């Protein structure tokens, strides 16, 4: 059988927040929201512009994860020549990038 006034006693907060505590909480929430928006704005976008003519840039599997292989001009020709001597997924990706860039090796 329910007790008289039990619901009110159980669901009443122990104390109300003071005006200062509310203002601090609102300030912290606003600061966090602004920090999140700034972080998203700073990290959004493309850091790598398009690859120029005679250049390659290809992500390949490495020892500890993905690795970016890139080069232009003579360096790209040397990368393509080196990759043509090997077999495997890494060499295939580099050679595909060389073909796409029309680099002769």
PDB file of N, CA and C in Angstrom:
ATOM      1  N   UNK A   1       0.839  -1.154   0.000  1.00  0.00           N
ATOM      2  CA  UNK A   1       0.000   0.000   0.000  1.00  0.00           C
ATOM      3  C   UNK A   1       0.903   1.242   0.000  1.00  0.00           C
ATOM      4  N   UNK A   2       0.647   2.208  -0.916  1.00  0.00           N
ATOM      5  CA  UNK A   2       1.486   3.395  -0.983  1.00  0.00           C
ATOM      6  C   UNK A   2       1.301   4.281   0.248  1.00  0.00           C
ATOM      7  N   UNK A   3       2.397   4.907   0.629  1.00  0.00           N
ATOM      8  CA  UNK A   3       2.365   5.821   1.761  1.00  0.00           C
ATOM      9  C   UNK A   3       2.007   7.225   1.288  1.00  0.00           C
ATOM     10  N   UNK A   4       1.352   7.968   2.161  1.00  0.00           N
ATOM     11  CA  UNK A   4       0.944   9.317   1.804  1.00  0.00           C
ATOM     12  C   UNK A   4       2.162  10.225   1.719  1.00  0.00           C
ATOM     13  N   UNK A   5       2.336  10.929   0.578  1.00  0.00           N
ATOM     14  CA  UNK A   5       3.443  11.853   0.380  1.00  0.00           C
ATOM     15  C   UNK A   5       4.772  11.188   0.066  1.00  0.00           C
ATOM     16  N   UNK A   6       4.772   9.860  -0.087  1.00  0.00           N
ATOM     17  CA  UNK A   6       6.027   9.128  -0.333  1.00  0.00           C
ATOM     18  C   UNK A   6       6.653   9.541  -1.665  1.00  0.00           C
ATOM     19  N   UNK A   7       5.857   9.658  -2.696  1.00  0.00           N
ATOM     20  CA  UNK A   7       6.364  10.010  -4.025  1.00  0.00           C
ATOM     21  C   UNK A   7       7.049  11.376  -3.992  1.00  0.00           C
ATOM     22  N   UNK A   8       6.468  12.328  -3.341  1.00  0.00           N
ATOM     23  CA  UNK A   8       7.034  13.668  -3.250  1.00  0.00           C
ATOM     24  C   UNK A   8       8.355  13.681  -2.494  1.00  0.00           C
ATOM     25  N   UNK A   9       8.450  12.930  -1.411  1.00  0.00           N
ATOM     26  CA  UNK A   9       9.697  12.896  -0.634  1.00  0.00           C
ATOM     27  C   UNK A   9      10.819  12.204  -1.404  1.00  0.00           C
ATOM     28  N   UNK A  10      10.494  11.151  -2.106  1.00  0.00           N
ATOM     29  CA  UNK A  10      11.511  10.385  -2.832  1.00  0.00           C
ATOM     30  C   UNK A  10      12.015  11.153  -4.049  1.00  0.00           C
ATOM     31  N   UNK A  11      11.172  11.891  -4.724  1.00  0.00           N
ATOM     32  CA  UNK A  11      11.538  12.553  -5.978  1.00  0.00           C
ATOM     33  C   UNK A  11      11.897  14.023  -5.816  1.00  0.00           C
ATOM     34  N   UNK A  12      11.997  14.524  -4.619  1.00  0.00           N
ATOM     35  CA  UNK A  12      12.409  15.905  -4.396  1.00  0.00           C
ATOM     36  C   UNK A  12      13.929  15.958  -4.336  1.00  0.00           C
ATOM     37  N   UNK A  13      14.543  16.870  -5.120  1.00  0.00           N
ATOM     38  CA  UNK A  13      15.999  16.961  -5.056  1.00  0.00           C
ATOM     39  C   UNK A  13      16.457  17.400  -3.677  1.00  0.00           C
ATOM     40  N   UNK A  14      17.675  16.999  -3.316  1.00  0.00           N
ATOM     41  CA  UNK A  14      18.197  17.356  -2.007  1.00  0.00           C
ATOM     42  C   UNK A  14      18.345  18.866  -1.876  1.00  0.00           C
ATOM     43  N   UNK A  15      18.814  19.525  -2.944  1.00  0.00           N
ATOM     44  CA  UNK A  15      18.898  20.975  -2.931  1.00  0.00           C
ATOM     45  C   UNK A  15      18.885  21.462  -4.368  1.00  0.00           C
ATOM     46  N   UNK A  16      18.524  22.699  -4.561  1.00  0.00           N
ATOM     47  CA  UNK A  16      18.521  23.295  -5.890  1.00  0.00           C
ATOM     48  C   UNK A  16      19.886  23.939  -6.143  1.00  0.00           C
ATOM     49  N   UNK A  17      20.252  23.975  -7.418  1.00  0.00           N
ATOM     50  CA  UNK A  17      21.506  24.633  -7.785  1.00  0.00           C
ATOM     51  C   UNK A  17      21.359  26.137  -7.568  1.00  0.00           C
ATOM     52  N   UNK A  18      22.423  26.752  -7.116  1.00  0.00           N
ATOM     53  CA  UNK A  18      22.406  28.201  -6.964  1.00  0.00           C
ATOM     54  C   UNK A  18      22.556  28.842  -8.339  1.00  0.00           C
ATOM     55  N   UNK A  19      22.303  30.111  -8.414  1.00  0.00           N
ATOM     56  CA  UNK A  19      22.410  30.830  -9.684  1.00  0.00           C
ATOM     57  C   UNK A  19      23.846  30.752 -10.212  1.00  0.00           C
ATOM     58  N   UNK A  20      24.818  30.879  -9.336  1.00  0.00           N
ATOM     59  CA  UNK A  20      26.216  30.811  -9.741  1.00  0.00           C
ATOM     60  C   UNK A  20      26.557  29.427 -10.295  1.00  0.00           C
ATOM     61  N   UNK A  21      26.102  28.363  -9.653  1.00  0.00           N
ATOM     62  CA  UNK A  21      26.375  27.007 -10.128  1.00  0.00           C
ATOM     63  C   UNK A  21      25.736  26.764 -11.496  1.00  0.00           C
ATOM     64  N   UNK A  22      24.533  27.273 -11.687  1.00  0.00           N
ATOM     65  CA  UNK A  22      23.878  27.137 -12.996  1.00  0.00           C
ATOM     66  C   UNK A  22      24.668  27.877 -14.061  1.00  0.00           C
ATOM     67  N   UNK A  23      25.123  29.090 -13.752  1.00  0.00           N
ATOM     68  CA  UNK A  23      25.887  29.876 -14.722  1.00  0.00           C
ATOM     69  C   UNK A  23      27.206  29.189 -15.073  1.00  0.00           C
ATOM     70  N   UNK A  24      27.861  28.614 -14.086  1.00  0.00           N
ATOM     71  CA  UNK A  24      29.109  27.884 -14.347  1.00  0.00           C
ATOM     72  C   UNK A  24      28.832  26.676 -15.237  1.00  0.00           C
ATOM     73  N   UNK A  25      27.785  25.934 -14.966  1.00  0.00           N
ATOM     74  CA  UNK A  25      27.443  24.764 -15.782  1.00  0.00           C
ATOM     75  C   UNK A  25      27.113  25.179 -17.213  1.00  0.00           C
ATOM     76  N   UNK A  26      26.343  26.245 -17.377  1.00  0.00           N
ATOM     77  CA  UNK A  26      26.010  26.729 -18.721  1.00  0.00           C
ATOM     78  C   UNK A  26      27.270  27.203 -19.438  1.00  0.00           C
ATOM     79  N   UNK A  27      28.148  27.887 -18.725  1.00  0.00           N
ATOM     80  CA  UNK A  27      29.403  28.343 -19.326  1.00  0.00           C
ATOM     81  C   UNK A  27      30.276  27.191 -19.774  1.00  0.00           C
ATOM     82  N   UNK A  28      30.343  26.145 -18.965  1.00  0.00           N
ATOM     83  CA  UNK A  28      31.152  24.972 -19.341  1.00  0.00           C
ATOM     84  C   UNK A  28      30.575  24.278 -20.565  1.00  0.00           C
ATOM     85  N   UNK A  29      29.269  24.154 -20.632  1.00  0.00           N
ATOM     86  CA  UNK A  29      28.624  23.525 -21.789  1.00  0.00           C
ATOM     87  C   UNK A  29      28.863  24.365 -23.037  1.00  0.00           C
ATOM     88  N   UNK A  30      28.724  25.686 -22.919  1.00  0.00           N
ATOM     89  CA  UNK A  30      28.950  26.567 -24.069  1.00  0.00           C
ATOM     90  C   UNK A  30      30.406  26.501 -24.530  1.00  0.00           C
ATOM     91  N   UNK A  31      31.348  26.512 -23.593  1.00  0.00           N
ATOM     92  CA  UNK A  31      32.769  26.432 -23.941  1.00  0.00           C
ATOM     93  C   UNK A  31      33.081  25.119 -24.644  1.00  0.00           C
ATOM     94  N   UNK A  32      32.523  24.034 -24.150  1.00  0.00           N
ATOM     95  CA  UNK A  32      32.743  22.725 -24.778  1.00  0.00           C
ATOM     96  C   UNK A  32      32.164  22.696 -26.188  1.00  0.00           C
ATOM     97  N   UNK A  33      30.976  23.251 -26.369  1.00  0.00           N
ATOM     98  CA  UNK A  33      30.349  23.275 -27.696  1.00  0.00           C
ATOM     99  C   UNK A  33      31.177  24.111 -28.665  1.00  0.00           C
ATOM    100  N   UNK A  34      31.673  25.258 -28.221  1.00  0.00           N
ATOM    101  CA  UNK A  34      32.497  26.106 -29.084  1.00  0.00           C
ATOM    102  C   UNK A  34      33.808  25.395 -29.436  1.00  0.00           C
ATOM    103  N   UNK A  35      34.412  24.719 -28.466  1.00  0.00           N
ATOM    104  CA  UNK A  35      35.656  23.988 -28.722  1.00  0.00           C
ATOM    105  C   UNK A  35      35.440  22.877 -29.746  1.00  0.00           C
ATOM    106  N   UNK A  36      34.319  22.192 -29.663  1.00  0.00           N
ATOM    107  CA  UNK A  36      34.020  21.123 -30.627  1.00  0.00           C
ATOM    108  C   UNK A  36      33.844  21.697 -32.022  1.00  0.00           C
ATOM    109  N   UNK A  37      33.114  22.810 -32.140  1.00  0.00           N
ATOM    110  CA  UNK A  37      32.909  23.436 -33.447  1.00  0.00           C
ATOM    111  C   UNK A  37      34.238  23.905 -34.032  1.00  0.00           C
ATOM    112  N   UNK A  38      35.091  24.510 -33.214  1.00  0.00           N
ATOM    113  CA  UNK A  38      36.399  24.969 -33.693  1.00  0.00           C
ATOM    114  C   UNK A  38      37.255  23.780 -34.126  1.00  0.00           C
ATOM    115  N   UNK A  39      37.248  22.709 -33.361  1.00  0.00           N
ATOM    116  CA  UNK A  39      38.021  21.517 -33.709  1.00  0.00           C
ATOM    117  C   UNK A  39      37.558  20.920 -35.034  1.00  0.00           C
ATOM    118  N   UNK A  40      36.269  20.864 -35.253  1.00  0.00           N
ATOM    119  CA  UNK A  40      35.747  20.336 -36.516  1.00  0.00           C
ATOM    120  C   UNK A  40      36.128  21.257 -37.669  1.00  0.00           C
ATOM    121  N   UNK A  41      36.032  22.570 -37.456  1.00  0.00           N
ATOM    122  CA  UNK A  41      36.371  23.525 -38.520  1.00  0.00           C
ATOM    123  C   UNK A  41      37.847  23.458 -38.886  1.00  0.00           C
ATOM    124  N   UNK A  42      38.712  23.277 -37.906  1.00  0.00           N
ATOM    125  CA  UNK A  42      40.149  23.231 -38.168  1.00  0.00           C
ATOM    126  C   UNK A  42      40.547  21.957 -38.894  1.00  0.00           C
ATOM    127  N   UNK A  43      39.934  20.836 -38.560  1.00  0.00           N
ATOM    128  CA  UNK A  43      40.338  19.560 -39.149  1.00  0.00           C
ATOM    129  C   UNK A  43      39.571  19.202 -40.417  1.00  0.00           C
ATOM    130  N   UNK A  44      38.568  19.970 -40.784  1.00  0.00           N
ATOM    131  CA  UNK A  44      37.794  19.664 -41.989  1.00  0.00           C
ATOM    132  C   UNK A  44      38.585  20.099 -43.218  1.00  0.00           C
ATOM    133  N   UNK A  45      38.378  19.401 -44.296  1.00  0.00           N
ATOM    134  CA  UNK A  45      39.021  19.778 -45.553  1.00  0.00           C
ATOM    135  C   UNK A  45      40.030  18.748 -46.002  1.00  0.00           C
ATOM    136  N   UNK A  46      40.607  19.018 -47.157  1.00  0.00           N
ATOM    137  CA  UNK A  46      41.560  18.113 -47.777  1.00  0.00           C
ATOM    138  C   UNK A  46      42.958  18.694 -47.630  1.00  0.00           C
ATOM    139  N   UNK A  47      43.835  17.990 -46.941  1.00  0.00           N
ATOM    140  CA  UNK A  47      45.203  18.457 -46.736  1.00  0.00           C
ATOM    141  C   UNK A  47      46.082  18.234 -47.962  1.00  0.00           C
ATOM    142  N   UNK A  48      45.703  17.325 -48.820  1.00  0.00           N
ATOM    143  CA  UNK A  48      46.530  16.970 -49.965  1.00  0.00           C
ATOM    144  C   UNK A  48      45.869  17.458 -51.250  1.00  0.00           C
ATOM    145  N   UNK A  49      46.426  18.480 -51.887  1.00  0.00           N
ATOM    146  CA  UNK A  49      45.876  18.909 -53.167  1.00  0.00           C
ATOM    147  C   UNK A  49      46.107  17.837 -54.230  1.00  0.00           C
ATOM    148  N   UNK A  50      45.522  18.038 -55.372  1.00  0.00           N
ATOM    149  CA  UNK A  50      45.650  17.058 -56.456  1.00  0.00           C
ATOM    150  C   UNK A  50      47.117  16.903 -56.857  1.00  0.00           C
ATOM    151  N   UNK A  51      47.456  15.705 -57.300  1.00  0.00           N
ATOM    152  CA  UNK A  51      48.825  15.398 -57.708  1.00  0.00           C
ATOM    153  C   UNK A  51      49.073  16.028 -59.076  1.00  0.00           C
ATOM    154  N   UNK A  52      50.221  16.680 -59.226  1.00  0.00           N
ATOM    155  CA  UNK A  52      50.566  17.338 -60.482  1.00  0.00           C
ATOM    156  C   UNK A  52      51.029  16.340 -61.543  1.00  0.00           C
ATOM    157  N   UNK A  53      51.252  16.845 -62.741  1.00  0.00           N
ATOM    158  CA  UNK A  53      51.717  16.007 -63.843  1.00  0.00           C
ATOM    159  C   UNK A  53      53.121  15.506 -63.541  1.00  0.00           C
ATOM    160  N   UNK A  54      53.361  14.241 -63.821  1.00  0.00           N
ATOM    161  CA  UNK A  54      54.676  13.650 -63.586  1.00  0.00           C
ATOM    162  C   UNK A  54      54.932  13.286 -62.137  1.00  0.00           C
ATOM    163  N   UNK A  55      53.890  13.310 -61.318  1.00  0.00           N
ATOM    164  CA  UNK A  55      54.029  12.987 -59.901  1.00  0.00           C
ATOM    165  C   UNK A  55      53.128  11.813 -59.546  1.00  0.00           C
ATOM    166  N   UNK A  56      53.537  11.081 -58.516  1.00  0.00           N
ATOM    167  CA  UNK A  56      52.692  10.004 -57.988  1.00  0.00           C
ATOM    168  C   UNK A  56      52.536  10.200 -56.486  1.00  0.00           C
ATOM    169  N   UNK A  57      51.401   9.787 -55.991  1.00  0.00           N
ATOM    170  CA  UNK A  57      51.154   9.735 -54.550  1.00  0.00           C
ATOM    171  C   UNK A  57      50.138   8.621 -54.343  1.00  0.00           C
ATOM    172  N   UNK A  58      50.592   7.568 -53.683  1.00  0.00           N
ATOM    173  CA  UNK A  58      49.741   6.392 -53.523  1.00  0.00           C
ATOM    174  C   UNK A  58      49.916   5.818 -52.122  1.00  0.00           C
ATOM    175  N   UNK A  59      48.803   5.533 -51.431  1.00  0.00           N
ATOM    176  CA  UNK A  59      48.910   4.847 -50.141  1.00  0.00           C
ATOM    177  C   UNK A  59      49.121   3.352 -50.373  1.00  0.00           C
ATOM    178  N   UNK A  60      50.105   2.796 -49.705  1.00  0.00           N
ATOM    179  CA  UNK A  60      50.427   1.380 -49.856  1.00  0.00           C
ATOM    180  C   UNK A  60      50.496   0.732 -48.479  1.00  0.00           C
ATOM    181  N   UNK A  61      50.307  -0.593 -48.417  1.00  0.00           N
ATOM    182  CA  UNK A  61      50.454  -1.275 -47.132  1.00  0.00           C
ATOM    183  C   UNK A  61      51.912  -1.288 -46.692  1.00  0.00           C
ATOM    184  N   UNK A  62      52.140  -0.964 -45.425  1.00  0.00           N
ATOM    185  CA  UNK A  62      53.488  -0.956 -44.871  1.00  0.00           C
ATOM    186  C   UNK A  62      53.590  -1.926 -43.705  1.00  0.00           C
ATOM    187  N   UNK A  63      54.696  -1.855 -42.972  1.00  0.00           N
ATOM    188  CA  UNK A  63      54.910  -2.775 -41.855  1.00  0.00           C
ATOM    189  C   UNK A  63      53.946  -2.515 -40.702  1.00  0.00           C
ATOM    190  N   UNK A  64      53.653  -1.255 -40.447  1.00  0.00           N
ATOM    191  CA  UNK A  64      52.796  -0.919 -39.307  1.00  0.00           C
ATOM    192  C   UNK A  64      51.514  -0.219 -39.726  1.00  0.00           C
ATOM    193  N   UNK A  65      51.076  -0.424 -40.957  1.00  0.00           N
ATOM    194  CA  UNK A  65      49.851   0.204 -41.435  1.00  0.00           C
ATOM    195  C   UNK A  65      50.077   0.833 -42.792  1.00  0.00           C
ATOM    196  N   UNK A  66      49.201   1.761 -43.151  1.00  0.00           N
ATOM    197  CA  UNK A  66      49.301   2.430 -44.438  1.00  0.00           C
ATOM    198  C   UNK A  66      50.480   3.379 -44.491  1.00  0.00           C
ATOM    199  N   UNK A  67      51.074   3.473 -45.663  1.00  0.00           N
ATOM    200  CA  UNK A  67      52.245   4.317 -45.877  1.00  0.00           C
ATOM    201  C   UNK A  67      52.031   5.081 -47.178  1.00  0.00           C
ATOM    202  N   UNK A  68      52.416   6.334 -47.220  1.00  0.00           N
ATOM    203  CA  UNK A  68      52.221   7.155 -48.411  1.00  0.00           C
ATOM    204  C   UNK A  68      53.527   7.221 -49.195  1.00  0.00           C
ATOM    205  N   UNK A  69      53.488   6.734 -50.435  1.00  0.00           N
ATOM    206  CA  UNK A  69      54.646   6.786 -51.327  1.00  0.00           C
ATOM    207  C   UNK A  69      54.378   7.901 -52.330  1.00  0.00           C
ATOM    208  N   UNK A  70      55.287   8.874 -52.390  1.00  0.00           N
ATOM    209  CA  UNK A  70      55.071   9.988 -53.311  1.00  0.00           C
ATOM    210  C   UNK A  70      56.403  10.475 -53.864  1.00  0.00           C
ATOM    211  N   UNK A  71      56.316  11.043 -55.033  1.00  0.00           N
ATOM    212  CA  UNK A  71      57.502  11.600 -55.656  1.00  0.00           C
ATOM    213  C   UNK A  71      57.142  12.290 -56.957  1.00  0.00           C
ATOM    214  N   UNK A  72      58.018  13.175 -57.424  1.00  0.00           N
ATOM    215  CA  UNK A  72      57.812  13.898 -58.677  1.00  0.00           C
ATOM    216  C   UNK A  72      59.078  13.823 -59.509  1.00  0.00           C
ATOM    217  N   UNK A  73      58.895  13.848 -60.815  1.00  0.00           N
ATOM    218  CA  UNK A  73      60.036  13.894 -61.738  1.00  0.00           C
ATOM    219  C   UNK A  73      60.925  12.672 -61.644  1.00  0.00           C
ATOM    220  N   UNK A  74      62.228  12.929 -61.437  1.00  0.00           N
ATOM    221  CA  UNK A  74      63.217  11.842 -61.397  1.00  0.00           C
ATOM    222  C   UNK A  74      62.966  10.913 -60.212  1.00  0.00           C
ATOM    223  N   UNK A  75      62.493  11.476 -59.111  1.00  0.00           N
ATOM    224  CA  UNK A  75      62.198  10.639 -57.944  1.00  0.00           C
ATOM    225  C   UNK A  75      61.057   9.668 -58.247  1.00  0.00           C
ATOM    226  N   UNK A  76      60.048  10.148 -58.968  1.00  0.00           N
ATOM    227  CA  UNK A  76      58.929   9.276 -59.339  1.00  0.00           C
ATOM    228  C   UNK A  76      59.393   8.186 -60.304  1.00  0.00           C
ATOM    229  N   UNK A  77      60.260   8.529 -61.239  1.00  0.00           N
ATOM    230  CA  UNK A  77      60.795   7.524 -62.165  1.00  0.00           C
ATOM    231  C   UNK A  77      61.576   6.460 -61.405  1.00  0.00           C
ATOM    232  N   UNK A  78      62.367   6.885 -60.416  1.00  0.00           N
ATOM    233  CA  UNK A  78      63.140   5.925 -59.626  1.00  0.00           C
ATOM    234  C   UNK A  78      62.208   5.025 -58.813  1.00  0.00           C
ATOM    235  N   UNK A  79      61.138   5.587 -58.241  1.00  0.00           N
ATOM    236  CA  UNK A  79      60.171   4.769 -57.492  1.00  0.00           C
ATOM    237  C   UNK A  79      59.502   3.746 -58.398  1.00  0.00           C
ATOM    238  N   UNK A  80      59.144   4.178 -59.600  1.00  0.00           N
ATOM    239  CA  UNK A  80      58.496   3.260 -60.544  1.00  0.00           C
ATOM    240  C   UNK A  80      59.449   2.162 -60.993  1.00  0.00           C
ATOM    241  N   UNK A  81      60.702   2.518 -61.257  1.00  0.00           N
ATOM    242  CA  UNK A  81      61.685   1.515 -61.679  1.00  0.00           C
ATOM    243  C   UNK A  81      61.938   0.510 -60.566  1.00  0.00           C
ATOM    244  N   UNK A  82      62.031   1.001 -59.331  1.00  0.00           N
ATOM    245  CA  UNK A  82      62.248   0.107 -58.190  1.00  0.00           C
ATOM    246  C   UNK A  82      61.048  -0.829 -58.003  1.00  0.00           C
ATOM    247  N   UNK A  83      59.843  -0.301 -58.141  1.00  0.00           N
ATOM    248  CA  UNK A  83      58.637  -1.120 -57.951  1.00  0.00           C
ATOM    249  C   UNK A  83      58.499  -2.173 -59.044  1.00  0.00           C
ATOM    250  N   UNK A  84      59.025  -1.889 -60.244  1.00  0.00           N
ATOM    251  CA  UNK A  84      58.902  -2.865 -61.334  1.00  0.00           C
ATOM    252  C   UNK A  84      59.747  -4.108 -61.090  1.00  0.00           C
ATOM    253  N   UNK A  85      60.722  -4.037 -60.181  1.00  0.00           N
ATOM    254  CA  UNK A  85      61.571  -5.196 -59.881  1.00  0.00           C
ATOM    255  C   UNK A  85      60.973  -6.102 -58.812  1.00  0.00           C
ATOM    256  N   UNK A  86      59.872  -5.683 -58.194  1.00  0.00           N
ATOM    257  CA  UNK A  86      59.279  -6.453 -57.100  1.00  0.00           C
ATOM    258  C   UNK A  86      57.905  -6.970 -57.476  1.00  0.00           C
ATOM    259  N   UNK A  87      57.421  -7.901 -56.659  1.00  0.00           N
ATOM    260  CA  UNK A  87      56.068  -8.436 -56.805  1.00  0.00           C
ATOM    261  C   UNK A  87      55.308  -8.156 -55.524  1.00  0.00           C
ATOM    262  N   UNK A  88      54.008  -8.247 -55.595  1.00  0.00           N
ATOM    263  CA  UNK A  88      53.191  -8.050 -54.402  1.00  0.00           C
ATOM    264  C   UNK A  88      52.258  -6.852 -54.540  1.00  0.00           C
ATOM    265  N   UNK A  89      51.407  -6.711 -53.552  1.00  0.00           N
ATOM    266  CA  UNK A  89      50.386  -5.660 -53.579  1.00  0.00           C
ATOM    267  C   UNK A  89      50.993  -4.258 -53.588  1.00  0.00           C
ATOM    268  N   UNK A  90      52.036  -4.059 -52.815  1.00  0.00           N
ATOM    269  CA  UNK A  90      52.681  -2.738 -52.745  1.00  0.00           C
ATOM    270  C   UNK A  90      53.211  -2.326 -54.116  1.00  0.00           C
ATOM    271  N   UNK A  91      53.930  -3.213 -54.766  1.00  0.00           N
ATOM    272  CA  UNK A  91      54.487  -2.917 -56.088  1.00  0.00           C
ATOM    273  C   UNK A  91      53.377  -2.687 -57.108  1.00  0.00           C
ATOM    274  N   UNK A  92      52.312  -3.486 -57.026  1.00  0.00           N
ATOM    275  CA  UNK A  92      51.194  -3.323 -57.959  1.00  0.00           C
ATOM    276  C   UNK A  92      50.556  -1.947 -57.836  1.00  0.00           C
ATOM    277  N   UNK A  93      50.379  -1.480 -56.600  1.00  0.00           N
ATOM    278  CA  UNK A  93      49.774  -0.167 -56.391  1.00  0.00           C
ATOM    279  C   UNK A  93      50.661   0.957 -56.915  1.00  0.00           C
ATOM    280  N   UNK A  94      51.959   0.851 -56.669  1.00  0.00           N
ATOM    281  CA  UNK A  94      52.882   1.879 -57.154  1.00  0.00           C
ATOM    282  C   UNK A  94      52.914   1.877 -58.677  1.00  0.00           C
ATOM    283  N   UNK A  95      52.963   0.708 -59.282  1.00  0.00           N
ATOM    284  CA  UNK A  95      52.997   0.632 -60.746  1.00  0.00           C
ATOM    285  C   UNK A  95      51.693   1.150 -61.358  1.00  0.00           C
ATOM    286  N   UNK A  96      50.562   0.907 -60.709  1.00  0.00           N
ATOM    287  CA  UNK A  96      49.292   1.438 -61.211  1.00  0.00           C
ATOM    288  C   UNK A  96      49.306   2.971 -61.165  1.00  0.00           C
ATOM    289  N   UNK A  97      49.855   3.530 -60.111  1.00  0.00           N
ATOM    290  CA  UNK A  97      49.964   4.993 -60.022  1.00  0.00           C
ATOM    291  C   UNK A  97      50.910   5.522 -61.087  1.00  0.00           C
ATOM    292  N   UNK A  98      51.967   4.780 -61.388  1.00  0.00           N
ATOM    293  CA  UNK A  98      52.910   5.191 -62.432  1.00  0.00           C
ATOM    294  C   UNK A  98      52.234   5.186 -63.803  1.00  0.00           C
ATOM    295  N   UNK A  99      51.437   4.165 -64.061  1.00  0.00           N
ATOM    296  CA  UNK A  99      50.714   4.102 -65.328  1.00  0.00           C
ATOM    297  C   UNK A  99      49.717   5.244 -65.432  1.00  0.00           C
ATOM    298  N   UNK A 100      49.009   5.539 -64.345  1.00  0.00           N
ATOM    299  CA  UNK A 100      48.035   6.621 -64.359  1.00  0.00           C
ATOM    300  C   UNK A 100      48.709   7.972 -64.613  1.00  0.00           C
ATOM    301  N   UNK A 101      49.915   8.152 -64.086  1.00  0.00           N
ATOM    302  CA  UNK A 101      50.646   9.415 -64.263  1.00  0.00           C
ATOM    303  C   UNK A 101      51.453   9.428 -65.561  1.00  0.00           C
ATOM    304  N   UNK A 102      51.429   8.313 -66.313  1.00  0.00           N
ATOM    305  CA  UNK A 102      52.154   8.178 -67.570  1.00  0.00           C
ATOM    306  C   UNK A 102      53.655   8.422 -67.399  1.00  0.00           C
ATOM    307  N   UNK A 103      54.207   7.794 -66.379  1.00  0.00           N
ATOM    308  CA  UNK A 103      55.644   7.917 -66.103  1.00  0.00           C
ATOM    309  C   UNK A 103      56.344   6.738 -66.741  1.00  0.00           C
ATOM    310  N   UNK A 104      57.354   7.032 -67.553  1.00  0.00           N
ATOM    311  CA  UNK A 104      58.129   5.963 -68.202  1.00  0.00           C
ATOM    312  C   UNK A 104      59.307   5.602 -67.320  1.00  0.00           C
ATOM    313  N   UNK A 105      59.570   4.301 -67.214  1.00  0.00           N
ATOM    314  CA  UNK A 105      60.680   3.840 -66.383  1.00  0.00           C
ATOM    315  C   UNK A 105      61.396   2.703 -67.051  1.00  0.00           C
TER     316      UNK A 105
END
